[in-house]
Protein backbone atom coordinates (compact mmCIF):
# COMPACT_ATOMS: atom_id res chain seq x y z
CA MET A 1 64.71 114.36 56.38
CA ASN A 2 66.46 110.53 56.32
CA ILE A 3 65.47 108.53 59.37
CA LYS A 4 68.43 107.39 59.59
CA THR A 5 70.23 110.71 60.75
CA LEU A 6 67.32 110.97 63.87
CA PRO A 7 69.03 108.74 66.57
CA PHE A 8 72.51 111.18 65.57
CA LEU A 9 70.28 114.60 65.81
CA PHE A 10 69.06 113.56 69.04
CA VAL A 11 72.55 112.80 70.45
CA ILE A 12 73.14 116.36 69.55
CA LEU A 13 70.25 117.75 70.91
CA VAL A 14 70.80 116.14 74.64
CA THR A 15 73.97 116.98 74.34
CA PHE A 16 73.04 120.35 73.92
CA ILE A 17 71.03 120.52 76.58
CA MET A 18 72.97 119.08 79.02
CA LYS A 19 75.56 121.80 78.49
CA GLY A 20 73.29 124.63 78.91
CA GLN A 21 71.78 123.67 81.97
CA ASP A 22 72.87 121.06 85.11
CA VAL A 23 71.14 117.73 85.00
CA THR A 24 70.75 116.00 88.30
CA VAL A 25 70.99 111.75 88.56
CA VAL A 26 68.30 110.51 89.90
CA GLU A 27 68.90 107.09 88.90
CA LEU A 28 72.17 104.68 88.92
CA GLN A 29 72.02 101.10 87.81
CA PHE A 30 74.69 98.41 87.24
CA SER A 31 74.15 96.17 84.91
CA GLY A 32 76.17 92.87 83.56
CA THR A 33 76.95 92.23 87.34
CA LYS A 34 76.96 88.27 88.10
CA ARG A 35 79.91 87.48 90.35
CA THR A 36 81.17 90.81 90.90
CA LYS A 37 79.24 92.33 94.25
CA VAL A 38 77.13 95.71 93.17
CA SER A 39 78.01 96.87 96.82
CA PHE A 40 81.46 96.94 95.94
CA VAL A 41 81.08 98.27 92.74
CA GLU A 42 78.99 101.34 94.09
CA ASN A 43 81.80 102.07 96.72
CA LEU A 44 84.32 101.97 94.04
CA VAL A 45 82.90 104.60 91.62
CA ASP A 46 82.65 108.09 92.06
CA LEU A 47 79.19 109.11 90.48
CA GLU A 48 75.91 108.68 92.84
CA LYS A 49 72.60 109.64 92.80
CA GLY A 50 71.63 113.25 93.36
CA MET A 51 74.90 114.35 91.71
CA VAL A 52 75.10 116.70 88.62
CA LEU A 53 75.55 114.57 85.42
CA ASP A 54 79.37 115.08 84.80
CA SER A 55 80.83 112.95 81.60
CA VAL A 56 84.63 113.73 82.89
CA LEU A 57 83.57 112.00 86.19
CA MET A 58 81.97 108.65 84.21
CA ASN A 59 84.86 108.23 81.73
CA ARG A 60 87.02 108.35 85.00
CA ASP A 61 84.78 105.65 86.76
CA MET A 62 84.84 103.49 83.12
CA LEU A 63 88.94 103.42 82.94
CA ARG A 64 88.76 102.39 86.84
CA LEU A 65 86.47 99.68 86.15
CA LYS A 66 88.23 98.28 83.00
CA ARG A 67 91.56 98.02 84.93
CA LEU A 68 89.87 95.67 87.54
CA PRO A 69 90.78 91.95 87.15
CA SER A 70 87.18 90.97 87.10
CA ILE A 71 86.18 93.66 84.48
CA SER A 72 87.23 92.93 80.42
CA HIS A 73 84.98 96.21 79.33
CA ALA A 74 82.83 98.79 80.85
CA TYR A 75 80.48 101.69 79.36
CA TYR A 76 77.83 103.92 80.52
CA LYS A 77 74.11 104.88 79.25
CA VAL A 78 72.51 108.29 79.95
CA SER A 79 68.65 108.19 79.56
CA VAL A 80 66.96 112.02 80.00
CA LEU A 81 63.98 112.38 82.28
CA GLN A 82 61.78 115.04 82.89
CA ASN A 83 62.61 117.94 85.16
CA GLU A 84 65.87 118.63 83.84
CA THR A 85 67.12 114.11 85.48
CA CYS A 86 68.30 111.91 84.26
CA LYS A 87 69.33 107.76 84.86
CA VAL A 88 72.57 106.34 84.43
CA GLU A 89 73.65 102.80 83.53
CA TYR A 90 76.94 101.53 84.07
CA ILE A 91 77.09 98.67 81.97
CA ILE A 92 79.92 96.18 82.69
CA GLU A 93 81.47 93.17 81.03
CA GLU A 94 82.96 90.55 83.56
CA ASN A 95 85.83 88.43 82.89
CA PHE A 96 85.94 84.76 83.60
CA THR A 97 88.60 84.94 86.67
CA LEU A 98 89.02 81.28 87.93
CA ILE A 99 92.30 80.65 86.19
CA PRO A 100 94.28 77.89 86.63
CA PHE A 101 97.89 78.35 84.58
CA ALA A 102 100.81 75.87 83.59
CA ASN A 103 104.03 77.10 82.50
CA LEU A 104 106.59 74.70 80.95
CA PHE A 105 110.09 75.95 80.52
CA SER A 106 113.69 74.44 80.78
CA SER A 107 115.95 74.81 83.23
CA SER A 108 119.64 76.06 83.53
CA ASN A 109 120.87 72.48 83.14
CA ASP A 110 118.44 71.53 80.36
CA ASN A 111 116.09 69.61 82.64
CA PHE A 112 112.44 69.61 82.35
CA ALA A 113 110.70 72.00 84.64
CA PHE A 114 107.07 73.37 85.12
CA ARG A 115 105.01 75.35 86.98
CA VAL A 116 101.10 74.82 87.84
CA GLY A 117 98.77 77.20 89.76
CA LEU A 118 95.41 78.24 90.30
CA GLN A 119 94.25 82.11 91.04
CA GLU A 120 91.00 83.41 91.66
CA PHE A 121 91.01 87.58 90.72
CA ASN A 122 87.27 87.68 91.87
CA SER A 123 86.96 85.92 95.43
CA PHE A 124 83.60 86.87 97.22
CA GLY A 125 83.17 89.31 94.37
CA ARG A 126 85.51 92.42 95.83
CA ASN A 127 88.31 91.73 93.60
CA ILE A 128 90.40 89.81 96.02
CA THR A 129 93.20 87.50 94.42
CA LEU A 130 93.84 84.35 96.00
CA GLY A 131 96.72 82.39 94.38
CA VAL A 132 98.52 79.29 95.01
CA PHE A 133 101.61 77.65 92.89
CA TYR A 134 103.69 74.66 92.74
CA GLN A 135 106.97 74.54 90.48
CA TYR A 136 109.13 71.68 89.91
CA ASP A 137 112.41 72.93 88.69
CA ASN A 138 115.21 70.38 89.81
CA TYR A 139 113.78 71.11 93.16
CA SER A 140 110.15 71.48 94.26
CA SER A 141 108.70 75.01 95.63
CA PHE A 142 105.54 76.43 96.25
CA GLY A 143 103.60 79.81 97.17
CA VAL A 144 100.31 81.00 98.29
CA SER A 145 99.44 84.53 98.34
CA VAL A 146 96.29 87.14 99.27
CA ARG A 147 96.08 90.72 97.85
CA ALA A 148 93.01 92.76 98.62
CA PRO A 149 93.27 95.97 97.03
CA TYR A 150 90.13 97.34 98.60
CA LEU A 151 89.69 95.42 101.82
CA PHE A 152 89.78 98.18 104.44
CA SER A 153 88.35 101.14 101.43
CA ASN A 154 87.19 102.17 98.24
CA LYS A 155 91.69 103.34 98.48
CA LEU A 156 93.31 101.37 101.21
CA GLY A 157 94.05 97.50 100.65
CA LEU A 158 96.58 94.66 101.78
CA ALA A 159 98.50 91.93 100.28
CA ILE A 160 100.16 88.60 102.03
CA ASN A 161 102.46 86.69 100.02
CA TYR A 162 104.36 83.38 101.50
CA ASN A 163 107.24 81.39 99.15
CA ASP A 164 108.94 78.45 99.60
CA PHE A 165 110.85 78.76 96.46
CA THR A 166 113.91 76.36 95.50
CA THR A 167 115.67 76.14 91.86
CA LEU A 168 119.32 75.55 90.71
CA GLU A 169 121.21 78.68 90.31
CA PRO A 170 124.22 79.72 88.62
CA VAL A 171 126.50 82.10 89.80
CA PHE A 172 129.09 83.86 87.92
CA PHE A 173 132.65 84.71 89.23
CA GLN A 174 136.23 85.20 87.52
CA ASP A 175 134.89 84.28 84.08
CA ASP A 176 133.60 80.52 85.70
CA THR A 177 130.40 79.49 86.35
CA ALA A 178 129.19 77.70 89.04
CA ASP A 179 125.72 75.70 90.14
CA TYR A 180 124.23 76.34 93.72
CA LYS A 181 121.05 75.02 95.27
CA TYR A 182 119.38 78.13 95.79
CA SER A 183 116.51 78.56 98.30
CA ASN A 184 114.60 81.28 99.41
CA THR A 185 111.86 80.85 102.13
CA GLY A 186 110.26 84.10 103.57
CA PHE A 187 106.61 86.16 104.53
CA GLU A 188 105.69 89.64 102.96
CA LEU A 189 103.20 91.86 104.02
CA LEU A 190 102.23 95.08 101.92
CA GLY A 191 99.78 97.90 102.68
CA LEU A 192 98.41 98.85 99.19
CA TYR A 193 96.77 102.75 98.84
CA GLU A 194 95.48 104.13 95.74
CA PHE A 195 95.62 108.40 95.86
CA ASN A 196 93.42 108.65 92.96
CA GLY A 197 92.57 106.66 89.33
CA LYS A 198 96.34 107.57 88.15
CA ASN A 199 98.70 107.26 91.48
CA ARG A 200 98.85 104.51 93.91
CA MET A 201 101.43 102.84 96.42
CA GLU A 202 102.65 99.74 98.13
CA LEU A 203 104.75 99.65 101.31
CA GLY A 204 105.72 97.13 103.41
CA PHE A 205 108.11 94.75 104.59
CA SER A 206 109.46 90.94 104.37
CA PHE A 207 111.48 88.57 106.30
CA PHE A 208 112.79 85.83 104.37
CA THR A 209 115.80 83.22 104.76
CA GLU A 210 118.35 82.37 101.97
CA ASP A 211 120.26 79.22 101.87
CA TYR A 212 122.89 78.66 98.91
CA ALA A 213 124.97 75.04 98.65
CA TYR A 214 127.42 74.16 96.29
CA VAL A 215 126.18 71.55 93.86
CA GLU A 216 128.68 71.75 91.10
CA GLY A 217 131.39 73.96 88.81
CA ALA A 218 134.08 76.40 89.56
CA THR A 219 134.99 77.48 92.99
CA GLY A 220 136.81 80.80 93.96
CA ALA A 221 138.71 82.06 97.10
CA GLY A 222 136.11 84.46 99.34
CA VAL A 223 133.32 82.18 97.46
CA PRO A 224 131.49 80.09 100.06
CA LEU A 225 130.21 76.58 99.33
CA ASN A 226 127.23 77.24 101.74
CA LEU A 227 125.49 80.20 102.91
CA ASN A 228 122.50 80.41 105.58
CA VAL A 229 121.59 83.65 106.57
CA ASP A 230 118.25 85.64 107.40
CA LYS A 231 117.54 88.80 105.98
CA HIS A 232 114.79 91.29 105.97
CA LEU A 233 113.55 93.94 103.02
CA PHE A 234 111.78 97.20 103.10
CA LYS A 235 109.89 97.56 99.80
CA LEU A 236 108.43 100.71 98.17
CA ILE A 237 106.52 100.74 94.92
CA TYR A 238 105.31 103.56 93.25
CA ASP A 239 102.51 103.30 90.36
CA TYR A 240 101.49 106.29 87.93
CA ASN A 241 99.21 104.73 85.65
CA SER A 242 97.49 106.51 82.83
CA LEU A 243 96.69 103.43 80.27
CA ASP A 244 93.33 103.47 78.52
CA TYR A 245 92.03 99.71 77.93
CA PHE A 246 89.78 98.55 75.33
CA TYR A 247 89.72 95.03 75.65
CA HIS A 248 93.51 93.77 74.52
CA TYR A 249 94.17 97.15 73.08
CA LEU A 250 96.34 99.86 75.11
CA GLU A 251 97.02 103.46 74.52
CA GLY A 252 99.12 105.46 76.91
CA PHE A 253 102.00 105.80 79.35
CA ARG A 254 102.53 104.01 82.77
CA SER A 255 105.66 104.16 85.27
CA GLN A 256 105.86 102.18 88.02
CA LEU A 257 109.13 102.51 90.43
CA ASN A 258 110.33 99.52 92.45
CA PHE A 259 112.44 100.22 95.55
CA GLN A 260 114.01 97.84 97.94
CA TYR A 261 116.62 98.16 101.12
CA VAL A 262 117.82 94.84 102.03
CA GLY A 263 119.23 93.73 105.56
CA SER A 264 121.05 91.03 106.69
CA THR A 265 121.62 89.28 110.28
CA ASP A 266 124.87 88.16 109.27
CA THR A 267 127.45 91.23 109.70
CA SER A 268 129.90 90.09 107.04
CA LEU A 269 127.37 90.36 104.17
CA PRO A 270 126.93 94.39 103.54
CA GLU A 271 122.78 95.94 103.14
CA PHE A 272 122.23 97.04 99.74
CA LEU A 273 119.77 99.24 98.04
CA ILE A 274 118.00 97.72 94.98
CA GLY A 275 116.05 100.24 92.48
CA PHE A 276 114.59 100.13 89.05
CA ASN A 277 112.01 101.69 87.23
CA ASP A 278 109.54 100.57 84.28
CA PHE A 279 108.82 103.12 81.87
CA THR A 280 105.81 101.57 79.28
CA TYR A 281 104.19 103.48 76.57
CA PHE A 282 101.68 101.84 74.01
CA LYS A 283 100.05 103.29 71.28
CA ARG A 284 97.38 102.35 68.98
CA VAL A 285 97.87 101.63 65.12
CA GLY A 286 94.53 101.46 63.21
CA ASP A 287 92.01 99.06 64.64
CA ARG A 288 93.73 95.97 64.94
CA GLY A 289 97.36 97.51 65.68
CA ASN A 290 99.21 98.27 68.77
CA TRP A 291 102.55 99.33 69.25
CA ALA A 292 104.22 98.39 72.85
CA ASN A 293 107.42 99.78 74.71
CA ARG A 294 108.96 99.29 77.96
CA LEU A 295 112.36 100.96 79.32
CA ARG A 296 113.87 99.21 82.38
CA LEU A 297 116.31 101.40 84.48
CA GLY A 298 118.04 99.79 87.48
CA LEU A 299 120.47 100.63 90.24
CA ALA A 300 121.83 98.41 92.77
CA SER A 301 124.61 98.69 95.64
CA ASN A 302 127.88 98.06 93.46
CA VAL A 303 128.89 94.99 95.48
CA ASP A 304 131.95 92.72 94.73
CA SER A 305 129.72 89.74 94.66
CA PRO A 306 128.44 86.66 92.49
CA PHE A 307 124.86 86.98 93.67
CA ALA A 308 123.98 90.52 91.93
CA PRO A 309 120.29 91.20 91.92
CA PHE A 310 119.73 91.72 88.34
CA THR A 311 119.65 89.28 85.50
CA VAL A 312 119.86 88.40 82.03
CA ASP A 313 117.00 86.01 81.73
CA ASN A 314 114.72 84.94 79.08
CA ASN A 315 111.74 85.31 81.21
CA LEU A 316 112.73 88.68 82.63
CA ASN A 317 113.83 90.99 79.72
CA ILE A 318 115.82 89.67 76.67
CA ARG A 319 113.70 86.79 74.81
CA GLY A 320 115.84 84.21 73.21
CA VAL A 321 119.11 84.72 75.42
CA GLY A 322 118.39 81.89 77.79
CA ASN A 323 118.25 80.92 81.68
CA THR A 324 120.01 83.45 83.96
CA ILE A 325 123.14 83.71 81.79
CA ASP A 326 124.41 86.47 83.54
CA ARG A 327 124.33 88.68 86.59
CA GLY A 328 124.56 92.37 87.38
CA THR A 329 124.17 95.36 89.69
CA GLY A 330 123.19 97.90 86.72
CA MET A 331 120.91 97.46 83.91
CA ILE A 332 119.33 99.42 80.78
CA VAL A 333 116.87 97.32 79.15
CA LEU A 334 114.29 98.59 75.94
CA ASN A 335 111.74 96.19 74.98
CA THR A 336 109.79 97.16 71.56
CA GLU A 337 107.12 95.20 69.62
CA TYR A 338 104.24 95.93 67.28
CA ARG A 339 101.62 93.50 67.73
CA GLN A 340 99.25 93.26 65.09
CA THR A 341 95.51 91.40 65.26
CA PHE A 342 94.88 88.57 62.49
CA ILE A 343 91.53 87.51 64.06
CA ASP A 344 88.94 89.22 66.40
CA LYS A 345 85.90 87.11 67.10
CA ASN A 346 83.29 87.55 70.23
CA LYS A 347 85.70 85.59 72.63
CA PHE A 348 89.07 84.38 70.81
CA VAL A 349 91.85 86.49 69.37
CA LEU A 350 94.91 85.81 67.15
CA GLN A 351 97.74 88.17 67.41
CA GLY A 352 101.25 88.41 66.28
CA ASN A 353 104.13 90.72 66.96
CA ILE A 354 107.75 91.25 65.98
CA PHE A 355 109.81 92.60 68.38
CA VAL A 356 113.32 93.96 69.51
CA ASP A 357 114.71 93.44 72.78
CA GLY A 358 117.93 95.12 73.58
CA GLY A 359 119.80 95.41 76.95
CA THR A 360 123.17 95.96 78.77
CA TRP A 361 124.17 95.10 82.52
CA ARG A 362 127.08 96.61 85.19
CA ASN A 363 129.11 93.85 86.32
CA PRO A 364 129.49 93.50 89.92
CA ALA A 365 132.43 96.29 91.41
CA GLY A 366 132.39 97.63 87.81
CA GLY A 367 132.05 101.03 86.35
CA PHE A 368 129.27 102.74 84.49
CA ASP A 369 131.67 102.53 81.66
CA ASP A 370 130.43 98.48 81.75
CA LEU A 371 126.96 99.58 80.08
CA TRP A 372 128.95 100.83 76.95
CA LYS A 373 130.90 97.60 76.80
CA SER A 374 130.08 95.54 73.68
CA GLU A 375 130.52 92.50 75.90
CA ASN A 376 128.01 93.16 77.83
CA ILE A 377 125.58 94.55 75.20
CA ARG A 378 122.57 91.96 74.34
CA ILE A 379 120.30 92.70 71.00
CA TYR A 380 117.95 89.90 70.23
CA PRO A 381 114.98 90.64 67.33
CA GLY A 382 112.02 88.44 66.87
CA VAL A 383 108.71 87.08 66.26
CA GLY A 384 105.65 85.76 68.15
CA LEU A 385 102.05 85.04 68.27
CA ARG A 386 99.43 85.42 70.90
CA PHE A 387 96.19 83.22 71.51
CA MET A 388 93.61 84.91 73.68
CA HIS A 389 90.14 84.79 75.29
CA LYS A 390 88.90 87.75 75.69
CA ARG A 391 86.48 86.95 78.54
CA ILE A 392 88.99 85.04 80.81
CA PHE A 393 91.34 87.30 82.49
CA ASN A 394 94.72 87.40 81.34
CA ALA A 395 94.10 84.40 79.06
CA ILE A 396 97.20 85.23 76.67
CA PHE A 397 99.17 82.37 75.89
CA ARG A 398 102.37 83.56 74.14
CA ILE A 399 104.97 82.06 72.30
CA ASP A 400 108.12 84.12 71.21
CA TYR A 401 111.42 83.38 69.23
CA GLY A 402 114.22 85.54 70.08
CA TYR A 403 117.86 85.59 67.82
CA GLY A 404 120.91 87.37 68.97
CA ILE A 405 123.14 89.37 66.83
CA THR A 406 125.09 90.56 69.18
CA LYS A 407 128.46 88.97 70.27
CA ASP A 408 128.09 85.27 71.26
CA GLY A 409 124.25 85.47 70.83
CA ASP A 410 122.21 82.31 71.30
CA ASN A 411 118.27 82.14 70.11
CA GLY A 412 115.35 80.17 71.51
CA ILE A 413 111.89 79.69 72.16
CA VAL A 414 110.14 81.59 75.14
CA PHE A 415 106.53 80.32 75.91
CA GLY A 416 104.47 82.22 78.81
CA ILE A 417 101.47 83.61 79.90
CA GLY A 418 99.95 86.72 79.61
CA GLN A 419 102.04 89.75 77.32
CA TYR A 420 105.65 89.92 78.01
CA PHE A 421 105.05 93.37 79.03
């Protein structure tokens, strides 16, 4: 017998024995944890010492661990012992999680703009995210955030955000455009709950103040030159996630619903609802290919306002279209791309992609037939590159070039951190 076949036959033998009788886990070890607290991981996984060995449960544990920002990969080993017992080792490959970031982009009037910040995704070794950013886009902005999804238990957590955001926003009405200095200052509190490995929910509220101050451009009857109002918002996010991860490769389906109610202290401003859902689907193609898709459906109260909530924007939905070039109260957006890895080393990955971004919007106070009008439809094919570090969380620098093929199509380069979706 060829000696190379012995390990394979041993695995078959062990599997046969385990299926024929219950094997008890008498020892559970964790290795590879350097910054992540072992007590945190123990509380998160379902397998415990004294339980019957269950490969389905262990695979579910691996998937939950790989979804954590602090972990790039996880797998397990089983060592069979005497008397129908075994030892299980959960092996973890950690990410580097103290991540500075810097984004450079052009603002609505082509001035230089940037955002810099710092995030720690594994504070105190318990996967608590602390973040801060500063942005200059004609005006200064900053924000701080805390996200602790397992603060109270292995299912219940909390998120807190504070933002003081100011920028120059285009406002569209009567086929004209005006520039407003827009400020949004507010506080948000969210409760986070994870039902199981695939379903989680966020529920909370925020209080914020919006301020619009006219700068230049067209004006219109009924459109205020200045507007300052206190608002409140209630938010529900429901996330169904069946994605499987192998480093930067993804496979499976995910659905993320975001529903908001916005009210105002100004009775002249109507309350309104906003809802949108992202459906994403990923498919592995061979060893180095990944097909990625996102369908975003959104609908809001159909108020006749130049400040409609859904925007057409480079950084949100259509690569190459420009920064906030239009607004609407409904949208359908489809992004599809094929990602091919050219270089895949121990730490560095170079990936290229070809994509098509397409979308359409309903005009404020318009009908659903707006979605089928050619002037509201935008289609942008393009190409891009990804430079990745496999041991640093979300260390993906992307460059995309999109070219519009529909009416009045533009073109442009979009830079960013992380995959586009």
